[in-house]
Amino acid sequence: MEEPLLIQISSLIRQLRLEKGISQEEFSHLIQIDRKYASLIEKGDKNLSILMLKKIVDGLDISLADFFKKGKL
């Protein structure tokens, strides 16, 4: 069963990464995770810990607060 909030967060991660013009491979290298894991995150197939989300938003150069505001979450 898909969790709507997880899908929203995952979609926002992908959107922000694409807006920055960064490939999934480049981004996964930047935040030091496996590219396949990054793909699972962006598809909403992984339930993120708050620490992983923090690592991701840091890599996107956005604060957690701004991330949630931008996504209207």
PDB file of N, CA and C in Angstrom:
ATOM      1  N   MET A   1       0.838  -1.183   0.000  1.00  0.00           N
ATOM      2  CA  MET A   1       0.000   0.000   0.000  1.00  0.00           C
ATOM      3  C   MET A   1       0.881   1.245   0.000  1.00  0.00           C
ATOM      4  N   GLU A   2       0.613   2.144  -0.911  1.00  0.00           N
ATOM      5  CA  GLU A   2       1.380   3.377  -0.984  1.00  0.00           C
ATOM      6  C   GLU A   2       0.892   4.361   0.065  1.00  0.00           C
ATOM      7  N   GLU A   3       1.824   5.040   0.659  1.00  0.00           N
ATOM      8  CA  GLU A   3       1.516   6.055   1.670  1.00  0.00           C
ATOM      9  C   GLU A   3       1.554   7.417   0.978  1.00  0.00           C
ATOM     10  N   PRO A   4       0.432   8.147   0.944  1.00  0.00           N
ATOM     11  CA  PRO A   4       0.384   9.428   0.228  1.00  0.00           C
ATOM     12  C   PRO A   4       1.477  10.425   0.658  1.00  0.00           C
ATOM     13  N   LEU A   5       1.737  10.529   1.942  1.00  0.00           N
ATOM     14  CA  LEU A   5       2.758  11.474   2.394  1.00  0.00           C
ATOM     15  C   LEU A   5       4.134  11.081   1.877  1.00  0.00           C
ATOM     16  N   LEU A   6       4.436   9.792   1.903  1.00  0.00           N
ATOM     17  CA  LEU A   6       5.728   9.321   1.403  1.00  0.00           C
ATOM     18  C   LEU A   6       5.868   9.614  -0.091  1.00  0.00           C
ATOM     19  N   ILE A   7       4.796   9.429  -0.829  1.00  0.00           N
ATOM     20  CA  ILE A   7       4.817   9.723  -2.266  1.00  0.00           C
ATOM     21  C   ILE A   7       5.026  11.216  -2.501  1.00  0.00           C
ATOM     22  N   GLN A   8       4.378  12.067  -1.709  1.00  0.00           N
ATOM     23  CA  GLN A   8       4.558  13.520  -1.850  1.00  0.00           C
ATOM     24  C   GLN A   8       6.011  13.912  -1.575  1.00  0.00           C
ATOM     25  N   ILE A   9       6.577  13.365  -0.516  1.00  0.00           N
ATOM     26  CA  ILE A   9       7.964  13.682  -0.153  1.00  0.00           C
ATOM     27  C   ILE A   9       8.912  13.197  -1.241  1.00  0.00           C
ATOM     28  N   SER A  10       8.705  11.991  -1.707  1.00  0.00           N
ATOM     29  CA  SER A  10       9.560  11.421  -2.745  1.00  0.00           C
ATOM     30  C   SER A  10       9.500  12.237  -4.029  1.00  0.00           C
ATOM     31  N   SER A  11       8.296  12.629  -4.414  1.00  0.00           N
ATOM     32  CA  SER A  11       8.123  13.436  -5.625  1.00  0.00           C
ATOM     33  C   SER A  11       8.801  14.791  -5.482  1.00  0.00           C
ATOM     34  N   LEU A  12       8.711  15.378  -4.313  1.00  0.00           N
ATOM     35  CA  LEU A  12       9.339  16.674  -4.078  1.00  0.00           C
ATOM     36  C   LEU A  12      10.862  16.554  -4.138  1.00  0.00           C
ATOM     37  N   ILE A  13      11.406  15.496  -3.592  1.00  0.00           N
ATOM     38  CA  ILE A  13      12.859  15.268  -3.668  1.00  0.00           C
ATOM     39  C   ILE A  13      13.285  15.232  -5.135  1.00  0.00           C
ATOM     40  N   ARG A  14      12.575  14.452  -5.928  1.00  0.00           N
ATOM     41  CA  ARG A  14      12.914  14.319  -7.357  1.00  0.00           C
ATOM     42  C   ARG A  14      12.776  15.668  -8.063  1.00  0.00           C
ATOM     43  N   GLN A  15      11.684  16.376  -7.793  1.00  0.00           N
ATOM     44  CA  GLN A  15      11.453  17.681  -8.423  1.00  0.00           C
ATOM     45  C   GLN A  15      12.586  18.649  -8.106  1.00  0.00           C
ATOM     46  N   LEU A  16      12.971  18.733  -6.846  1.00  0.00           N
ATOM     47  CA  LEU A  16      14.029  19.666  -6.452  1.00  0.00           C
ATOM     48  C   LEU A  16      15.375  19.270  -7.056  1.00  0.00           C
ATOM     49  N   ARG A  17      15.633  17.976  -7.118  1.00  0.00           N
ATOM     50  CA  ARG A  17      16.889  17.510  -7.728  1.00  0.00           C
ATOM     51  C   ARG A  17      16.932  17.906  -9.197  1.00  0.00           C
ATOM     52  N   LEU A  18      15.823  17.688  -9.898  1.00  0.00           N
ATOM     53  CA  LEU A  18      15.771  18.032 -11.319  1.00  0.00           C
ATOM     54  C   LEU A  18      15.881  19.542 -11.533  1.00  0.00           C
ATOM     55  N   GLU A  19      15.259  20.331 -10.655  1.00  0.00           N
ATOM     56  CA  GLU A  19      15.370  21.791 -10.757  1.00  0.00           C
ATOM     57  C   GLU A  19      16.813  22.243 -10.623  1.00  0.00           C
ATOM     58  N   LYS A  20      17.587  21.511  -9.843  1.00  0.00           N
ATOM     59  CA  LYS A  20      19.005  21.842  -9.666  1.00  0.00           C
ATOM     60  C   LYS A  20      19.851  21.334 -10.835  1.00  0.00           C
ATOM     61  N   GLY A  21      19.243  20.541 -11.716  1.00  0.00           N
ATOM     62  CA  GLY A  21      19.957  20.019 -12.875  1.00  0.00           C
ATOM     63  C   GLY A  21      20.960  18.935 -12.521  1.00  0.00           C
ATOM     64  N   ILE A  22      20.666  18.182 -11.474  1.00  0.00           N
ATOM     65  CA  ILE A  22      21.580  17.148 -10.999  1.00  0.00           C
ATOM     66  C   ILE A  22      20.999  15.780 -11.358  1.00  0.00           C
ATOM     67  N   SER A  23      21.833  14.922 -11.943  1.00  0.00           N
ATOM     68  CA  SER A  23      21.369  13.567 -12.239  1.00  0.00           C
ATOM     69  C   SER A  23      21.232  12.784 -10.933  1.00  0.00           C
ATOM     70  N   GLN A  24      20.489  11.718 -11.004  1.00  0.00           N
ATOM     71  CA  GLN A  24      20.318  10.870  -9.828  1.00  0.00           C
ATOM     72  C   GLN A  24      21.664  10.291  -9.391  1.00  0.00           C
ATOM     73  N   GLU A  25      22.485   9.930 -10.356  1.00  0.00           N
ATOM     74  CA  GLU A  25      23.799   9.389 -10.038  1.00  0.00           C
ATOM     75  C   GLU A  25      24.683  10.433  -9.352  1.00  0.00           C
ATOM     76  N   GLU A  26      24.699  11.653  -9.886  1.00  0.00           N
ATOM     77  CA  GLU A  26      25.480  12.736  -9.269  1.00  0.00           C
ATOM     78  C   GLU A  26      24.986  13.022  -7.854  1.00  0.00           C
ATOM     79  N   PHE A  27      23.666  13.055  -7.708  1.00  0.00           N
ATOM     80  CA  PHE A  27      23.096  13.368  -6.406  1.00  0.00           C
ATOM     81  C   PHE A  27      23.415  12.285  -5.382  1.00  0.00           C
ATOM     82  N   SER A  28      23.283  11.038  -5.788  1.00  0.00           N
ATOM     83  CA  SER A  28      23.572   9.946  -4.848  1.00  0.00           C
ATOM     84  C   SER A  28      25.046   9.981  -4.426  1.00  0.00           C
ATOM     85  N   HIS A  29      25.916  10.330  -5.365  1.00  0.00           N
ATOM     86  CA  HIS A  29      27.337  10.470  -5.021  1.00  0.00           C
ATOM     87  C   HIS A  29      27.537  11.641  -4.046  1.00  0.00           C
ATOM     88  N   LEU A  30      26.852  12.742  -4.302  1.00  0.00           N
ATOM     89  CA  LEU A  30      26.963  13.931  -3.458  1.00  0.00           C
ATOM     90  C   LEU A  30      26.569  13.647  -2.010  1.00  0.00           C
ATOM     91  N   ILE A  31      25.483  12.896  -1.821  1.00  0.00           N
ATOM     92  CA  ILE A  31      25.023  12.638  -0.453  1.00  0.00           C
ATOM     93  C   ILE A  31      25.481  11.270   0.073  1.00  0.00           C
ATOM     94  N   GLN A  32      26.309  10.615  -0.726  1.00  0.00           N
ATOM     95  CA  GLN A  32      26.972   9.367  -0.328  1.00  0.00           C
ATOM     96  C   GLN A  32      25.995   8.230  -0.019  1.00  0.00           C
ATOM     97  N   ILE A  33      25.100   7.996  -0.987  1.00  0.00           N
ATOM     98  CA  ILE A  33      24.224   6.820  -0.910  1.00  0.00           C
ATOM     99  C   ILE A  33      24.289   6.112  -2.254  1.00  0.00           C
ATOM    100  N   ASP A  34      23.884   4.871  -2.287  1.00  0.00           N
ATOM    101  CA  ASP A  34      23.860   4.098  -3.515  1.00  0.00           C
ATOM    102  C   ASP A  34      22.811   4.660  -4.475  1.00  0.00           C
ATOM    103  N   ARG A  35      23.116   4.689  -5.771  1.00  0.00           N
ATOM    104  CA  ARG A  35      22.188   5.236  -6.740  1.00  0.00           C
ATOM    105  C   ARG A  35      20.874   4.457  -6.760  1.00  0.00           C
ATOM    106  N   LYS A  36      20.928   3.163  -6.589  1.00  0.00           N
ATOM    107  CA  LYS A  36      19.700   2.358  -6.563  1.00  0.00           C
ATOM    108  C   LYS A  36      18.829   2.734  -5.359  1.00  0.00           C
ATOM    109  N   TYR A  37      19.484   3.029  -4.243  1.00  0.00           N
ATOM    110  CA  TYR A  37      18.742   3.462  -3.055  1.00  0.00           C
ATOM    111  C   TYR A  37      18.084   4.823  -3.317  1.00  0.00           C
ATOM    112  N   ALA A  38      18.822   5.707  -3.991  1.00  0.00           N
ATOM    113  CA  ALA A  38      18.263   7.017  -4.344  1.00  0.00           C
ATOM    114  C   ALA A  38      17.042   6.850  -5.247  1.00  0.00           C
ATOM    115  N   SER A  39      17.113   5.920  -6.169  1.00  0.00           N
ATOM    116  CA  SER A  39      15.987   5.649  -7.057  1.00  0.00           C
ATOM    117  C   SER A  39      14.773   5.153  -6.269  1.00  0.00           C
ATOM    118  N   LEU A  40      14.998   4.254  -5.328  1.00  0.00           N
ATOM    119  CA  LEU A  40      13.902   3.745  -4.500  1.00  0.00           C
ATOM    120  C   LEU A  40      13.269   4.855  -3.677  1.00  0.00           C
ATOM    121  N   ILE A  41      14.099   5.771  -3.190  1.00  0.00           N
ATOM    122  CA  ILE A  41      13.590   6.920  -2.423  1.00  0.00           C
ATOM    123  C   ILE A  41      12.683   7.768  -3.306  1.00  0.00           C
ATOM    124  N   GLU A  42      13.158   8.094  -4.508  1.00  0.00           N
ATOM    125  CA  GLU A  42      12.385   8.965  -5.403  1.00  0.00           C
ATOM    126  C   GLU A  42      11.107   8.306  -5.906  1.00  0.00           C
ATOM    127  N   LYS A  43      11.054   6.995  -5.909  1.00  0.00           N
ATOM    128  CA  LYS A  43       9.835   6.290  -6.324  1.00  0.00           C
ATOM    129  C   LYS A  43       8.873   6.089  -5.160  1.00  0.00           C
ATOM    130  N   GLY A  44       9.317   6.438  -3.957  1.00  0.00           N
ATOM    131  CA  GLY A  44       8.459   6.267  -2.789  1.00  0.00           C
ATOM    132  C   GLY A  44       8.465   4.847  -2.261  1.00  0.00           C
ATOM    133  N   ASP A  45       9.474   4.078  -2.639  1.00  0.00           N
ATOM    134  CA  ASP A  45       9.568   2.684  -2.207  1.00  0.00           C
ATOM    135  C   ASP A  45      10.356   2.507  -0.912  1.00  0.00           C
ATOM    136  N   LYS A  46      10.896   3.579  -0.385  1.00  0.00           N
ATOM    137  CA  LYS A  46      11.637   3.527   0.875  1.00  0.00           C
ATOM    138  C   LYS A  46      11.047   4.523   1.854  1.00  0.00           C
ATOM    139  N   ASN A  47      10.791   4.054   3.058  1.00  0.00           N
ATOM    140  CA  ASN A  47      10.314   4.920   4.124  1.00  0.00           C
ATOM    141  C   ASN A  47      11.542   5.579   4.742  1.00  0.00           C
ATOM    142  N   LEU A  48      11.659   6.871   4.588  1.00  0.00           N
ATOM    143  CA  LEU A  48      12.857   7.600   5.007  1.00  0.00           C
ATOM    144  C   LEU A  48      12.893   7.881   6.498  1.00  0.00           C
ATOM    145  N   SER A  49      14.072   7.777   7.063  1.00  0.00           N
ATOM    146  CA  SER A  49      14.260   8.261   8.428  1.00  0.00           C
ATOM    147  C   SER A  49      14.423   9.778   8.355  1.00  0.00           C
ATOM    148  N   ILE A  50      14.227  10.433   9.441  1.00  0.00           N
ATOM    149  CA  ILE A  50      14.409  11.891   9.479  1.00  0.00           C
ATOM    150  C   ILE A  50      15.870  12.244   9.205  1.00  0.00           C
ATOM    151  N   LEU A  51      16.788  11.385   9.630  1.00  0.00           N
ATOM    152  CA  LEU A  51      18.214  11.637   9.377  1.00  0.00           C
ATOM    153  C   LEU A  51      18.536  11.543   7.889  1.00  0.00           C
ATOM    154  N   MET A  52      17.938  10.577   7.193  1.00  0.00           N
ATOM    155  CA  MET A  52      18.161  10.470   5.747  1.00  0.00           C
ATOM    156  C   MET A  52      17.527  11.651   5.028  1.00  0.00           C
ATOM    157  N   LEU A  53      16.346  12.066   5.453  1.00  0.00           N
ATOM    158  CA  LEU A  53      15.715  13.229   4.839  1.00  0.00           C
ATOM    159  C   LEU A  53      16.577  14.470   5.044  1.00  0.00           C
ATOM    160  N   LYS A  54      17.158  14.622   6.218  1.00  0.00           N
ATOM    161  CA  LYS A  54      18.045  15.761   6.484  1.00  0.00           C
ATOM    162  C   LYS A  54      19.254  15.728   5.556  1.00  0.00           C
ATOM    163  N   LYS A  55      19.822  14.547   5.358  1.00  0.00           N
ATOM    164  CA  LYS A  55      20.965  14.387   4.455  1.00  0.00           C
ATOM    165  C   LYS A  55      20.575  14.782   3.030  1.00  0.00           C
ATOM    166  N   ILE A  56      19.382  14.392   2.620  1.00  0.00           N
ATOM    167  CA  ILE A  56      18.893  14.702   1.275  1.00  0.00           C
ATOM    168  C   ILE A  56      18.671  16.202   1.101  1.00  0.00           C
ATOM    169  N   VAL A  57      17.985  16.835   2.052  1.00  0.00           N
ATOM    170  CA  VAL A  57      17.722  18.275   1.897  1.00  0.00           C
ATOM    171  C   VAL A  57      19.010  19.080   1.985  1.00  0.00           C
ATOM    172  N   ASP A  58      19.961  18.620   2.783  1.00  0.00           N
ATOM    173  CA  ASP A  58      21.265  19.290   2.806  1.00  0.00           C
ATOM    174  C   ASP A  58      21.914  19.215   1.423  1.00  0.00           C
ATOM    175  N   GLY A  59      21.811  18.054   0.793  1.00  0.00           N
ATOM    176  CA  GLY A  59      22.357  17.888  -0.550  1.00  0.00           C
ATOM    177  C   GLY A  59      21.645  18.746  -1.579  1.00  0.00           C
ATOM    178  N   LEU A  60      20.385  19.041  -1.331  1.00  0.00           N
ATOM    179  CA  LEU A  60      19.606  19.908  -2.218  1.00  0.00           C
ATOM    180  C   LEU A  60      19.768  21.382  -1.858  1.00  0.00           C
ATOM    181  N   ASP A  61      20.532  21.636  -0.807  1.00  0.00           N
ATOM    182  CA  ASP A  61      20.804  23.001  -0.343  1.00  0.00           C
ATOM    183  C   ASP A  61      19.513  23.736   0.025  1.00  0.00           C
ATOM    184  N   ILE A  62      18.684  23.054   0.823  1.00  0.00           N
ATOM    185  CA  ILE A  62      17.427  23.628   1.295  1.00  0.00           C
ATOM    186  C   ILE A  62      17.235  23.167   2.741  1.00  0.00           C
ATOM    187  N   SER A  63      16.627  23.992   3.563  1.00  0.00           N
ATOM    188  CA  SER A  63      16.386  23.597   4.951  1.00  0.00           C
ATOM    189  C   SER A  63      15.184  22.654   5.012  1.00  0.00           C
ATOM    190  N   LEU A  64      15.098  21.903   6.086  1.00  0.00           N
ATOM    191  CA  LEU A  64      13.929  21.036   6.279  1.00  0.00           C
ATOM    192  C   LEU A  64      12.646  21.859   6.285  1.00  0.00           C
ATOM    193  N   ALA A  65      12.678  23.000   6.961  1.00  0.00           N
ATOM    194  CA  ALA A  65      11.493  23.861   7.033  1.00  0.00           C
ATOM    195  C   ALA A  65      11.066  24.319   5.630  1.00  0.00           C
ATOM    196  N   ASP A  66      12.026  24.765   4.829  1.00  0.00           N
ATOM    197  CA  ASP A  66      11.709  25.213   3.481  1.00  0.00           C
ATOM    198  C   ASP A  66      11.260  24.067   2.586  1.00  0.00           C
ATOM    199  N   PHE A  67      11.838  22.888   2.811  1.00  0.00           N
ATOM    200  CA  PHE A  67      11.427  21.701   2.061  1.00  0.00           C
ATOM    201  C   PHE A  67       9.938  21.434   2.287  1.00  0.00           C
ATOM    202  N   PHE A  68       9.531  21.429   3.559  1.00  0.00           N
ATOM    203  CA  PHE A  68       8.125  21.151   3.865  1.00  0.00           C
ATOM    204  C   PHE A  68       7.211  22.283   3.394  1.00  0.00           C
ATOM    205  N   LYS A  69       7.683  23.530   3.455  1.00  0.00           N
ATOM    206  CA  LYS A  69       6.883  24.650   2.960  1.00  0.00           C
ATOM    207  C   LYS A  69       6.708  24.547   1.448  1.00  0.00           C
ATOM    208  N   LYS A  70       7.797  24.261   0.752  1.00  0.00           N
ATOM    209  CA  LYS A  70       7.735  24.185  -0.702  1.00  0.00           C
ATOM    210  C   LYS A  70       6.780  23.093  -1.162  1.00  0.00           C
ATOM    211  N   GLY A  71       6.783  21.985  -0.433  1.00  0.00           N
ATOM    212  CA  GLY A  71       5.902  20.882  -0.785  1.00  0.00           C
ATOM    213  C   GLY A  71       4.512  21.013  -0.215  1.00  0.00           C
ATOM    214  N   LYS A  72       4.281  22.073   0.564  1.00  0.00           N
ATOM    215  CA  LYS A  72       2.989  22.284   1.232  1.00  0.00           C
ATOM    216  C   LYS A  72       2.593  21.037   2.018  1.00  0.00           C
ATOM    217  N   LEU A  73       3.571  20.507   2.750  1.00  0.00           N
ATOM    218  CA  LEU A  73       3.354  19.280   3.522  1.00  0.00           C
ATOM    219  C   LEU A  73       3.056  19.603   4.968  1.00  0.00           C
TER     220      LEU A  73
END
